[in-house]
């Protein structure tokens, strides 16, 4: 047996060099390839950008179309000939169909059409649009011609609706859809 005193020494042991290798630091983490979360964020941003681009394109297209219709109304105002109520109604319907859900808007007639015209106008212009709708309703199928004052009133109201409708008409629900959503009969 070896005495315990041999193992326990009171003197400090000389520093021994252990056969260890130097610490190797890992290479910095590369930013490429991107983590899946970044790809998802990029895809979401691209979709959002495409949606905004489409909305801007539709808005510009509607604005351009409204400008063309306004030019037509100005031509009517400058000409000395009588304009029929059906021509004005047709122009309004074509413009409205160009703004949004054309198939459903084309089906609107009578009070539902006039309600949509009023709903697609701003609160500020609603009285003039109501007058326009009354003139349309009274003279569209009656065959009675408009007086010069009524014609001027109709064209001014039409011009007012066209000047602002491209901002609001695309977001105006169709009268039948409003009633169906609220639970009423169409």
N, C-alpha and C. Protein backbone atom coordinates (compact mmCIF):
# COMPACT_ATOMS: atom_id res chain seq x y z
N UNK A 1 0.78 -1.16 0.00
CA UNK A 1 0.00 0.00 0.00
C UNK A 1 0.84 1.26 0.00
N UNK A 2 0.37 2.24 -0.72
CA UNK A 2 1.12 3.48 -0.83
C UNK A 2 0.52 4.45 0.19
N UNK A 3 1.40 5.07 0.91
CA UNK A 3 0.87 5.99 1.90
C UNK A 3 0.19 7.18 1.22
N UNK A 4 -0.78 7.70 1.89
CA UNK A 4 -1.58 8.81 1.41
C UNK A 4 -0.75 10.09 1.29
N UNK A 5 0.22 10.22 2.02
CA UNK A 5 1.06 11.41 2.01
C UNK A 5 1.77 11.58 0.68
N UNK A 6 1.94 10.53 -0.04
CA UNK A 6 2.61 10.63 -1.33
C UNK A 6 1.70 11.37 -2.32
N UNK A 7 0.43 11.15 -2.20
CA UNK A 7 -0.50 11.79 -3.14
C UNK A 7 -0.78 13.25 -2.79
N UNK A 8 -0.80 13.53 -1.55
CA UNK A 8 -1.08 14.88 -1.11
C UNK A 8 0.25 15.55 -0.85
N UNK A 9 0.50 16.55 -1.60
CA UNK A 9 1.76 17.26 -1.41
C UNK A 9 1.44 18.67 -0.95
N UNK A 10 2.26 19.17 -0.20
CA UNK A 10 2.07 20.53 0.29
C UNK A 10 2.66 21.53 -0.68
N UNK A 11 3.47 21.09 -1.54
CA UNK A 11 4.04 22.00 -2.52
C UNK A 11 3.09 22.10 -3.72
N UNK A 12 3.11 23.28 -4.32
CA UNK A 12 2.28 23.47 -5.50
C UNK A 12 2.87 22.70 -6.65
N UNK A 13 1.99 22.07 -7.35
CA UNK A 13 2.44 21.28 -8.49
C UNK A 13 2.84 22.23 -9.60
N UNK A 14 3.86 21.90 -10.34
CA UNK A 14 4.23 22.78 -11.43
C UNK A 14 3.11 22.81 -12.48
N UNK A 15 2.91 23.98 -13.08
CA UNK A 15 1.85 24.14 -14.07
C UNK A 15 2.17 23.27 -15.25
N UNK A 16 1.23 22.40 -15.51
CA UNK A 16 1.45 21.48 -16.62
C UNK A 16 0.62 21.95 -17.81
N UNK A 17 1.18 21.85 -18.91
CA UNK A 17 0.48 22.19 -20.14
C UNK A 17 -0.28 20.96 -20.59
N UNK A 18 -1.58 21.12 -20.68
CA UNK A 18 -2.39 20.01 -21.15
C UNK A 18 -2.40 20.05 -22.67
N UNK A 19 -2.56 18.93 -23.29
CA UNK A 19 -2.56 18.91 -24.75
C UNK A 19 -3.91 19.35 -25.33
N UNK A 20 -4.33 20.62 -25.11
CA UNK A 20 -5.60 21.15 -25.62
C UNK A 20 -5.33 21.98 -26.87
N UNK A 21 -6.29 21.96 -27.74
CA UNK A 21 -6.19 22.76 -28.96
C UNK A 21 -6.77 24.15 -28.69
N UNK A 22 -6.40 25.12 -29.51
CA UNK A 22 -6.94 26.47 -29.37
C UNK A 22 -8.43 26.47 -29.66
N UNK A 23 -9.15 27.42 -29.02
CA UNK A 23 -10.59 27.55 -29.25
C UNK A 23 -10.80 28.17 -30.62
N UNK A 24 -11.64 27.52 -31.40
CA UNK A 24 -11.94 28.00 -32.75
C UNK A 24 -13.33 28.63 -32.71
N UNK A 25 -13.39 29.90 -33.05
CA UNK A 25 -14.68 30.59 -33.07
C UNK A 25 -15.42 30.21 -34.35
N UNK A 26 -16.75 30.09 -34.21
CA UNK A 26 -17.58 29.75 -35.37
C UNK A 26 -17.62 30.94 -36.32
N UNK A 27 -17.84 30.65 -37.58
CA UNK A 27 -17.96 31.71 -38.58
C UNK A 27 -19.23 32.50 -38.28
N UNK A 28 -19.25 33.79 -38.56
CA UNK A 28 -20.46 34.57 -38.31
C UNK A 28 -21.64 34.01 -39.11
N UNK A 29 -22.81 34.09 -38.52
CA UNK A 29 -24.01 33.56 -39.17
C UNK A 29 -24.31 34.42 -40.39
N UNK A 30 -24.53 33.76 -41.51
CA UNK A 30 -24.81 34.46 -42.76
C UNK A 30 -26.28 34.88 -42.80
N UNK A 31 -26.55 35.99 -43.45
CA UNK A 31 -27.93 36.43 -43.58
C UNK A 31 -28.63 35.69 -44.71
N UNK A 32 -27.87 34.98 -45.49
CA UNK A 32 -28.44 34.22 -46.60
C UNK A 32 -28.18 32.76 -46.40
N UNK A 33 -29.08 31.90 -46.59
CA UNK A 33 -30.48 32.04 -47.01
C UNK A 33 -31.33 32.58 -45.86
N UNK A 34 -32.38 33.26 -46.25
CA UNK A 34 -33.27 33.88 -45.27
C UNK A 34 -34.10 32.82 -44.55
N UNK A 35 -34.46 33.14 -43.34
CA UNK A 35 -35.32 32.26 -42.55
C UNK A 35 -36.73 32.29 -43.15
N UNK A 36 -37.52 31.25 -42.94
CA UNK A 36 -38.88 31.20 -43.51
C UNK A 36 -39.76 32.39 -43.12
N UNK A 37 -39.57 32.91 -41.93
CA UNK A 37 -40.36 34.07 -41.50
C UNK A 37 -40.12 35.29 -42.38
N UNK A 38 -38.87 35.48 -42.80
CA UNK A 38 -38.55 36.61 -43.67
C UNK A 38 -39.19 36.43 -45.04
N UNK A 39 -39.19 35.19 -45.56
CA UNK A 39 -39.83 34.93 -46.85
C UNK A 39 -41.33 35.22 -46.77
N UNK A 40 -41.93 34.84 -45.66
CA UNK A 40 -43.35 35.09 -45.46
C UNK A 40 -43.63 36.60 -45.41
N UNK A 41 -42.78 37.33 -44.71
CA UNK A 41 -42.93 38.78 -44.63
C UNK A 41 -42.76 39.43 -46.01
N UNK A 42 -41.78 38.97 -46.77
CA UNK A 42 -41.56 39.51 -48.12
C UNK A 42 -42.77 39.22 -49.01
N UNK A 43 -43.29 37.99 -48.94
CA UNK A 43 -44.46 37.64 -49.74
C UNK A 43 -45.67 38.49 -49.36
N UNK A 44 -45.85 38.70 -48.07
CA UNK A 44 -46.96 39.52 -47.59
C UNK A 44 -46.82 40.97 -48.07
N UNK A 45 -45.62 41.51 -48.01
CA UNK A 45 -45.39 42.87 -48.48
C UNK A 45 -45.61 42.99 -49.99
N UNK A 46 -45.20 41.97 -50.74
CA UNK A 46 -45.42 42.00 -52.19
C UNK A 46 -46.91 41.94 -52.53
N UNK A 47 -47.65 41.11 -51.79
CA UNK A 47 -49.10 41.05 -52.01
C UNK A 47 -49.76 42.38 -51.67
N UNK A 48 -49.34 42.98 -50.59
CA UNK A 48 -49.88 44.27 -50.18
C UNK A 48 -49.56 45.34 -51.22
N UNK A 49 -48.35 45.33 -51.72
CA UNK A 49 -47.93 46.28 -52.75
C UNK A 49 -48.74 46.07 -54.03
N UNK A 50 -48.96 44.81 -54.41
CA UNK A 50 -49.76 44.52 -55.61
C UNK A 50 -51.20 44.99 -55.42
N UNK A 51 -51.75 44.79 -54.23
CA UNK A 51 -53.13 45.23 -53.96
C UNK A 51 -53.23 46.75 -54.05
N UNK A 52 -52.30 47.46 -53.42
CA UNK A 52 -52.31 48.93 -53.49
C UNK A 52 -52.11 49.41 -54.92
N UNK A 53 -51.25 48.75 -55.65
CA UNK A 53 -51.03 49.12 -57.05
C UNK A 53 -52.28 48.95 -57.87
N UNK A 54 -53.00 47.85 -57.65
CA UNK A 54 -54.24 47.61 -58.39
C UNK A 54 -55.30 48.64 -58.02
N UNK A 55 -55.40 48.95 -56.73
CA UNK A 55 -56.37 49.96 -56.30
C UNK A 55 -56.07 51.32 -56.93
N UNK A 56 -54.80 51.67 -56.97
CA UNK A 56 -54.40 52.93 -57.59
C UNK A 56 -54.71 52.93 -59.08
N UNK A 57 -54.43 51.81 -59.74
CA UNK A 57 -54.71 51.69 -61.17
C UNK A 57 -56.21 51.81 -61.44
N UNK A 58 -57.05 51.12 -60.63
CA UNK A 58 -58.50 51.19 -60.80
C UNK A 58 -59.01 52.61 -60.56
N UNK A 59 -58.45 53.26 -59.56
CA UNK A 59 -58.86 54.63 -59.25
C UNK A 59 -58.51 55.58 -60.40
N UNK A 60 -57.30 55.43 -60.94
CA UNK A 60 -56.90 56.29 -62.06
C UNK A 60 -57.75 56.03 -63.29
N UNK A 61 -58.07 54.76 -63.51
CA UNK A 61 -58.92 54.38 -64.65
C UNK A 61 -60.31 54.98 -64.51
N UNK A 62 -60.87 54.90 -63.30
CA UNK A 62 -62.19 55.47 -63.04
C UNK A 62 -62.17 56.99 -63.21
N UNK A 63 -61.11 57.60 -62.75
CA UNK A 63 -60.98 59.06 -62.87
C UNK A 63 -60.91 59.48 -64.34
N UNK A 64 -60.15 58.72 -65.12
CA UNK A 64 -60.03 59.00 -66.55
C UNK A 64 -61.39 58.86 -67.24
N UNK A 65 -62.13 57.81 -66.89
CA UNK A 65 -63.43 57.57 -67.50
C UNK A 65 -64.41 58.68 -67.11
N UNK A 66 -64.36 59.11 -65.85
CA UNK A 66 -65.23 60.19 -65.41
C UNK A 66 -64.91 61.49 -66.14
N UNK A 67 -63.63 61.70 -66.41
CA UNK A 67 -63.22 62.90 -67.15
C UNK A 67 -63.80 62.89 -68.56
N UNK A 68 -63.78 61.72 -69.20
CA UNK A 68 -64.37 61.61 -70.55
C UNK A 68 -65.87 61.88 -70.51
N UNK A 69 -66.54 61.35 -69.50
CA UNK A 69 -67.98 61.57 -69.38
C UNK A 69 -68.28 63.04 -69.09
N UNK A 70 -67.44 63.68 -68.29
CA UNK A 70 -67.61 65.12 -68.03
C UNK A 70 -67.46 65.94 -69.30
N UNK A 71 -66.53 65.55 -70.14
CA UNK A 71 -66.36 66.25 -71.42
C UNK A 71 -67.62 66.12 -72.27
N UNK A 72 -68.23 64.93 -72.24
CA UNK A 72 -69.47 64.72 -73.00
C UNK A 72 -70.58 65.64 -72.47
N UNK A 73 -70.70 65.75 -71.15
CA UNK A 73 -71.73 66.61 -70.56
C UNK A 73 -71.46 68.07 -70.93
N UNK A 74 -70.20 68.48 -70.91
CA UNK A 74 -69.87 69.86 -71.29
C UNK A 74 -70.21 70.13 -72.75
N UNK A 75 -70.00 69.13 -73.61
CA UNK A 75 -70.40 69.27 -75.01
C UNK A 75 -71.91 69.46 -75.12
N UNK A 76 -72.65 68.68 -74.34
CA UNK A 76 -74.11 68.81 -74.35
C UNK A 76 -74.52 70.20 -73.88
N UNK A 77 -73.83 70.71 -72.86
CA UNK A 77 -74.19 72.04 -72.33
C UNK A 77 -73.90 73.14 -73.35
N UNK A 78 -72.85 72.96 -74.13
CA UNK A 78 -72.48 73.99 -75.10
C UNK A 78 -73.31 73.92 -76.38
N UNK A 79 -73.85 72.75 -76.67
CA UNK A 79 -74.65 72.62 -77.89
C UNK A 79 -76.04 73.19 -77.66
N UNK A 80 -76.65 73.63 -78.72
CA UNK A 80 -77.98 74.23 -78.62
C UNK A 80 -79.09 73.19 -78.69
N UNK A 81 -78.75 71.95 -79.01
CA UNK A 81 -79.78 70.93 -79.19
C UNK A 81 -80.30 70.42 -77.84
N UNK A 82 -81.51 69.91 -77.88
CA UNK A 82 -82.10 69.34 -76.68
C UNK A 82 -81.50 67.97 -76.42
N UNK A 83 -81.24 67.71 -75.18
CA UNK A 83 -80.69 66.42 -74.75
C UNK A 83 -81.81 65.65 -74.08
N UNK A 84 -81.96 64.40 -74.45
CA UNK A 84 -83.02 63.60 -73.85
C UNK A 84 -82.57 63.07 -72.49
N UNK A 85 -83.56 62.82 -71.65
CA UNK A 85 -83.29 62.29 -70.32
C UNK A 85 -82.67 60.90 -70.43
N UNK A 86 -83.08 60.15 -71.44
CA UNK A 86 -82.53 58.80 -71.61
C UNK A 86 -81.03 58.84 -71.94
N UNK A 87 -80.58 59.88 -72.66
CA UNK A 87 -79.15 60.01 -72.95
C UNK A 87 -78.35 60.24 -71.66
N UNK A 88 -78.88 61.08 -70.79
CA UNK A 88 -78.21 61.37 -69.51
C UNK A 88 -78.21 60.12 -68.65
N UNK A 89 -79.36 59.45 -68.57
CA UNK A 89 -79.45 58.23 -67.77
C UNK A 89 -78.50 57.16 -68.30
N UNK A 90 -78.42 57.03 -69.61
CA UNK A 90 -77.52 56.05 -70.22
C UNK A 90 -76.06 56.36 -69.88
N UNK A 91 -75.70 57.63 -69.95
CA UNK A 91 -74.33 58.03 -69.61
C UNK A 91 -74.02 57.71 -68.15
N UNK A 92 -74.95 58.03 -67.26
CA UNK A 92 -74.75 57.72 -65.84
C UNK A 92 -74.60 56.22 -65.61
N UNK A 93 -75.41 55.45 -66.30
CA UNK A 93 -75.37 53.98 -66.12
C UNK A 93 -74.06 53.41 -66.65
N UNK A 94 -73.61 53.90 -67.80
CA UNK A 94 -72.34 53.41 -68.37
C UNK A 94 -71.18 53.74 -67.44
N UNK A 95 -71.17 54.95 -66.93
CA UNK A 95 -70.09 55.35 -66.02
C UNK A 95 -70.14 54.52 -64.75
N UNK A 96 -71.33 54.34 -64.19
CA UNK A 96 -71.46 53.56 -62.96
C UNK A 96 -71.02 52.12 -63.18
N UNK A 97 -71.38 51.54 -64.31
CA UNK A 97 -70.96 50.17 -64.61
C UNK A 97 -69.45 50.08 -64.78
N UNK A 98 -68.86 51.13 -65.25
CA UNK A 98 -67.41 51.15 -65.43
C UNK A 98 -66.68 51.19 -64.09
N UNK A 99 -67.32 51.75 -63.08
CA UNK A 99 -66.69 51.88 -61.77
C UNK A 99 -66.61 50.58 -61.00
N UNK A 100 -67.60 49.75 -61.13
CA UNK A 100 -67.62 48.60 -60.23
C UNK A 100 -68.29 47.39 -60.81
N UNK A 101 -69.18 46.84 -60.04
CA UNK A 101 -69.83 45.57 -60.37
C UNK A 101 -70.84 45.80 -61.49
N UNK A 102 -70.34 45.80 -62.71
CA UNK A 102 -71.15 46.23 -63.85
C UNK A 102 -72.37 45.36 -64.08
N UNK A 103 -72.24 44.07 -63.88
CA UNK A 103 -73.38 43.18 -64.15
C UNK A 103 -74.55 43.49 -63.22
N UNK A 104 -74.26 43.73 -61.96
CA UNK A 104 -75.34 44.01 -61.01
C UNK A 104 -75.85 45.44 -61.15
N UNK A 105 -74.96 46.37 -61.44
CA UNK A 105 -75.39 47.76 -61.62
C UNK A 105 -76.24 47.92 -62.88
N UNK A 106 -75.92 47.17 -63.91
CA UNK A 106 -76.69 47.26 -65.15
C UNK A 106 -78.14 46.80 -64.94
N UNK A 107 -78.36 45.93 -63.98
CA UNK A 107 -79.71 45.42 -63.71
C UNK A 107 -80.56 46.41 -62.91
N UNK A 108 -79.92 47.37 -62.26
CA UNK A 108 -80.67 48.32 -61.45
C UNK A 108 -81.51 49.24 -62.33
N UNK A 109 -82.71 49.51 -61.88
CA UNK A 109 -83.58 50.46 -62.58
C UNK A 109 -84.54 51.04 -61.56
N UNK A 110 -85.20 52.09 -61.97
CA UNK A 110 -86.20 52.69 -61.10
C UNK A 110 -85.63 53.21 -59.80
N UNK A 111 -86.39 53.00 -58.73
CA UNK A 111 -86.01 53.56 -57.43
C UNK A 111 -84.69 52.98 -56.91
N UNK A 112 -84.41 51.71 -57.21
CA UNK A 112 -83.14 51.12 -56.75
C UNK A 112 -81.96 51.79 -57.44
N UNK A 113 -82.09 52.15 -58.71
CA UNK A 113 -81.04 52.86 -59.44
C UNK A 113 -80.83 54.26 -58.85
N UNK A 114 -81.94 54.94 -58.57
CA UNK A 114 -81.84 56.29 -58.01
C UNK A 114 -81.27 56.24 -56.60
N UNK A 115 -81.64 55.22 -55.82
CA UNK A 115 -81.06 55.06 -54.48
C UNK A 115 -79.55 54.87 -54.56
N UNK A 116 -79.11 54.08 -55.53
CA UNK A 116 -77.67 53.86 -55.67
C UNK A 116 -76.96 55.15 -56.07
N UNK A 117 -77.55 55.90 -56.99
CA UNK A 117 -76.96 57.19 -57.39
C UNK A 117 -76.82 58.12 -56.19
N UNK A 118 -77.85 58.17 -55.37
CA UNK A 118 -77.80 59.04 -54.19
C UNK A 118 -76.79 58.52 -53.17
N UNK A 119 -76.74 57.21 -52.99
CA UNK A 119 -75.80 56.63 -52.02
C UNK A 119 -74.35 56.81 -52.46
N UNK A 120 -74.12 56.88 -53.76
CA UNK A 120 -72.75 57.03 -54.25
C UNK A 120 -72.30 58.49 -54.30
N UNK A 121 -73.16 59.39 -53.87
CA UNK A 121 -72.78 60.80 -53.83
C UNK A 121 -72.41 61.18 -52.40
N UNK A 122 -71.74 62.30 -52.26
CA UNK A 122 -71.37 62.77 -50.93
C UNK A 122 -72.56 63.46 -50.28
N UNK A 123 -72.51 63.64 -48.98
CA UNK A 123 -73.60 64.30 -48.26
C UNK A 123 -73.81 65.73 -48.76
N UNK A 124 -72.73 66.36 -49.12
CA UNK A 124 -72.77 67.76 -49.57
C UNK A 124 -73.54 67.90 -50.89
N UNK A 125 -73.40 66.92 -51.77
CA UNK A 125 -74.04 67.03 -53.09
C UNK A 125 -75.36 66.27 -53.18
N UNK A 126 -75.77 65.62 -52.10
CA UNK A 126 -76.98 64.79 -52.14
C UNK A 126 -78.24 65.55 -52.56
N UNK A 127 -78.48 66.79 -52.12
CA UNK A 127 -79.70 67.48 -52.58
C UNK A 127 -79.77 67.65 -54.10
N UNK A 128 -78.65 68.00 -54.72
CA UNK A 128 -78.64 68.16 -56.18
C UNK A 128 -78.84 66.81 -56.87
N UNK A 129 -78.26 65.76 -56.31
CA UNK A 129 -78.42 64.42 -56.91
C UNK A 129 -79.86 63.95 -56.76
N UNK A 130 -80.49 64.28 -55.64
CA UNK A 130 -81.91 63.94 -55.47
C UNK A 130 -82.77 64.65 -56.52
N UNK A 131 -82.45 65.92 -56.79
CA UNK A 131 -83.18 66.64 -57.84
C UNK A 131 -82.98 65.97 -59.20
N UNK A 132 -81.74 65.56 -59.46
CA UNK A 132 -81.44 64.89 -60.73
C UNK A 132 -82.26 63.60 -60.83
N UNK A 133 -82.30 62.85 -59.74
CA UNK A 133 -83.05 61.59 -59.75
C UNK A 133 -84.54 61.83 -59.94
N UNK A 134 -85.06 62.91 -59.36
CA UNK A 134 -86.48 63.24 -59.55
C UNK A 134 -86.77 63.59 -61.01
N UNK A 135 -85.86 64.36 -61.61
CA UNK A 135 -86.04 64.69 -63.03
C UNK A 135 -85.97 63.43 -63.90
N UNK A 136 -85.03 62.56 -63.58
CA UNK A 136 -84.92 61.31 -64.34
C UNK A 136 -86.20 60.49 -64.19
N UNK A 137 -86.68 60.40 -62.96
CA UNK A 137 -87.86 59.59 -62.69
C UNK A 137 -89.11 60.16 -63.38
N UNK A 138 -89.24 61.48 -63.38
CA UNK A 138 -90.43 62.11 -63.97
C UNK A 138 -90.43 62.06 -65.49
N UNK A 139 -89.26 62.17 -66.11
CA UNK A 139 -89.22 62.37 -67.55
C UNK A 139 -88.62 61.20 -68.34
N UNK A 140 -88.10 60.19 -67.68
CA UNK A 140 -87.40 59.14 -68.42
C UNK A 140 -88.33 58.38 -69.36
N UNK A 141 -89.48 57.96 -68.87
CA UNK A 141 -90.39 57.17 -69.71
C UNK A 141 -91.67 57.90 -70.07
N UNK A 142 -91.81 59.13 -69.62
CA UNK A 142 -93.05 59.86 -69.89
C UNK A 142 -93.08 60.41 -71.31
N UNK A 143 -91.93 60.65 -71.89
CA UNK A 143 -91.89 61.18 -73.24
C UNK A 143 -92.00 62.70 -73.29
N UNK A 144 -92.23 63.31 -72.14
CA UNK A 144 -92.31 64.78 -72.13
C UNK A 144 -90.90 65.36 -72.14
N UNK A 145 -90.68 66.34 -73.00
CA UNK A 145 -89.33 66.93 -73.06
C UNK A 145 -89.06 67.82 -71.85
N UNK A 146 -87.81 68.03 -71.60
CA UNK A 146 -87.40 68.90 -70.50
C UNK A 146 -87.44 70.36 -70.95
N UNK A 147 -87.78 71.23 -70.03
CA UNK A 147 -87.66 72.66 -70.33
C UNK A 147 -86.17 73.01 -70.30
N UNK A 148 -85.84 74.18 -70.78
CA UNK A 148 -84.42 74.60 -70.80
C UNK A 148 -83.85 74.66 -69.39
N UNK A 149 -84.66 75.11 -68.44
CA UNK A 149 -84.20 75.20 -67.05
C UNK A 149 -83.97 73.80 -66.48
N UNK A 150 -84.92 72.90 -66.73
CA UNK A 150 -84.78 71.52 -66.25
C UNK A 150 -83.58 70.83 -66.88
N UNK A 151 -83.37 71.06 -68.17
CA UNK A 151 -82.23 70.45 -68.85
C UNK A 151 -80.92 70.95 -68.25
N UNK A 152 -80.84 72.24 -68.00
CA UNK A 152 -79.63 72.81 -67.39
C UNK A 152 -79.42 72.24 -65.98
N UNK A 153 -80.52 72.12 -65.25
CA UNK A 153 -80.46 71.56 -63.90
C UNK A 153 -79.99 70.10 -63.94
N UNK A 154 -80.53 69.34 -64.87
CA UNK A 154 -80.16 67.93 -65.01
C UNK A 154 -78.69 67.78 -65.38
N UNK A 155 -78.23 68.57 -66.34
CA UNK A 155 -76.83 68.48 -66.77
C UNK A 155 -75.87 68.95 -65.68
N UNK A 156 -76.25 69.99 -64.93
CA UNK A 156 -75.39 70.44 -63.82
C UNK A 156 -75.29 69.39 -62.73
N UNK A 157 -76.41 68.76 -62.41
CA UNK A 157 -76.40 67.70 -61.39
C UNK A 157 -75.61 66.49 -61.87
N UNK A 158 -75.77 66.17 -63.14
CA UNK A 158 -75.01 65.06 -63.73
C UNK A 158 -73.52 65.36 -63.67
N UNK A 159 -73.17 66.59 -64.00
CA UNK A 159 -71.77 67.01 -63.97
C UNK A 159 -71.23 66.93 -62.54
N UNK A 160 -72.02 67.33 -61.57
CA UNK A 160 -71.61 67.27 -60.17
C UNK A 160 -71.37 65.83 -59.74
N UNK A 161 -72.29 64.93 -60.11
CA UNK A 161 -72.13 63.52 -59.74
C UNK A 161 -70.88 62.93 -60.40
N UNK A 162 -70.69 63.23 -61.67
CA UNK A 162 -69.53 62.69 -62.39
C UNK A 162 -68.21 63.21 -61.83
N UNK A 163 -68.19 64.45 -61.38
CA UNK A 163 -66.95 65.05 -60.88
C UNK A 163 -66.47 64.37 -59.60
N UNK A 164 -67.40 63.82 -58.82
CA UNK A 164 -67.01 63.23 -57.53
C UNK A 164 -67.28 61.75 -57.40
N UNK A 165 -68.02 61.20 -58.32
CA UNK A 165 -68.45 59.80 -58.18
C UNK A 165 -67.30 58.81 -58.24
N UNK A 166 -66.25 59.11 -58.97
CA UNK A 166 -65.14 58.16 -59.11
C UNK A 166 -64.46 57.91 -57.77
N UNK A 167 -64.64 58.81 -56.81
CA UNK A 167 -64.03 58.63 -55.49
C UNK A 167 -64.85 57.67 -54.62
N UNK A 168 -66.17 57.69 -54.78
CA UNK A 168 -67.03 56.95 -53.86
C UNK A 168 -67.80 55.80 -54.48
N UNK A 169 -68.06 55.85 -55.77
CA UNK A 169 -68.98 54.88 -56.38
C UNK A 169 -68.47 53.45 -56.31
N UNK A 170 -67.18 53.24 -56.41
CA UNK A 170 -66.64 51.87 -56.39
C UNK A 170 -66.86 51.21 -55.03
N UNK A 171 -67.06 52.01 -53.98
CA UNK A 171 -67.24 51.45 -52.64
C UNK A 171 -68.69 51.50 -52.17
N UNK A 172 -69.59 51.91 -53.05
CA UNK A 172 -70.99 52.01 -52.68
C UNK A 172 -71.66 50.67 -52.92
N UNK A 173 -72.27 50.09 -51.87
CA UNK A 173 -72.95 48.81 -52.08
C UNK A 173 -74.18 49.00 -52.96
N UNK A 174 -74.51 47.96 -53.65
CA UNK A 174 -75.68 47.99 -54.54
C UNK A 174 -76.93 47.83 -53.69
N UNK A 175 -77.98 48.54 -54.05
CA UNK A 175 -79.19 48.62 -53.23
C UNK A 175 -79.73 47.24 -52.87
N UNK A 176 -79.77 46.31 -53.79
CA UNK A 176 -80.27 44.97 -53.51
C UNK A 176 -79.41 44.23 -52.50
N UNK A 177 -78.11 44.45 -52.58
CA UNK A 177 -77.21 43.81 -51.63
C UNK A 177 -77.39 44.41 -50.24
N UNK A 178 -77.64 45.70 -50.16
CA UNK A 178 -77.86 46.34 -48.87
C UNK A 178 -79.09 45.74 -48.20
N UNK A 179 -80.16 45.59 -48.96
CA UNK A 179 -81.39 45.05 -48.40
C UNK A 179 -81.23 43.60 -48.00
N UNK A 180 -80.54 42.83 -48.82
CA UNK A 180 -80.34 41.41 -48.51
C UNK A 180 -79.49 41.24 -47.26
N UNK A 181 -78.50 42.10 -47.09
CA UNK A 181 -77.63 41.99 -45.92
C UNK A 181 -78.35 42.43 -44.66
N UNK A 182 -79.28 43.38 -44.78
CA UNK A 182 -79.99 43.85 -43.59
C UNK A 182 -81.21 42.98 -43.27
N UNK A 183 -81.49 42.00 -44.12
CA UNK A 183 -82.57 41.07 -43.85
C UNK A 183 -83.89 41.45 -44.50
N UNK A 184 -83.95 42.55 -45.22
CA UNK A 184 -85.18 42.97 -45.89
C UNK A 184 -85.31 42.30 -47.24
N UNK A 185 -86.48 42.44 -47.82
CA UNK A 185 -86.71 41.88 -49.16
C UNK A 185 -86.26 42.88 -50.19
N UNK A 186 -85.76 42.38 -51.29
CA UNK A 186 -85.26 43.27 -52.34
C UNK A 186 -86.35 43.74 -53.25
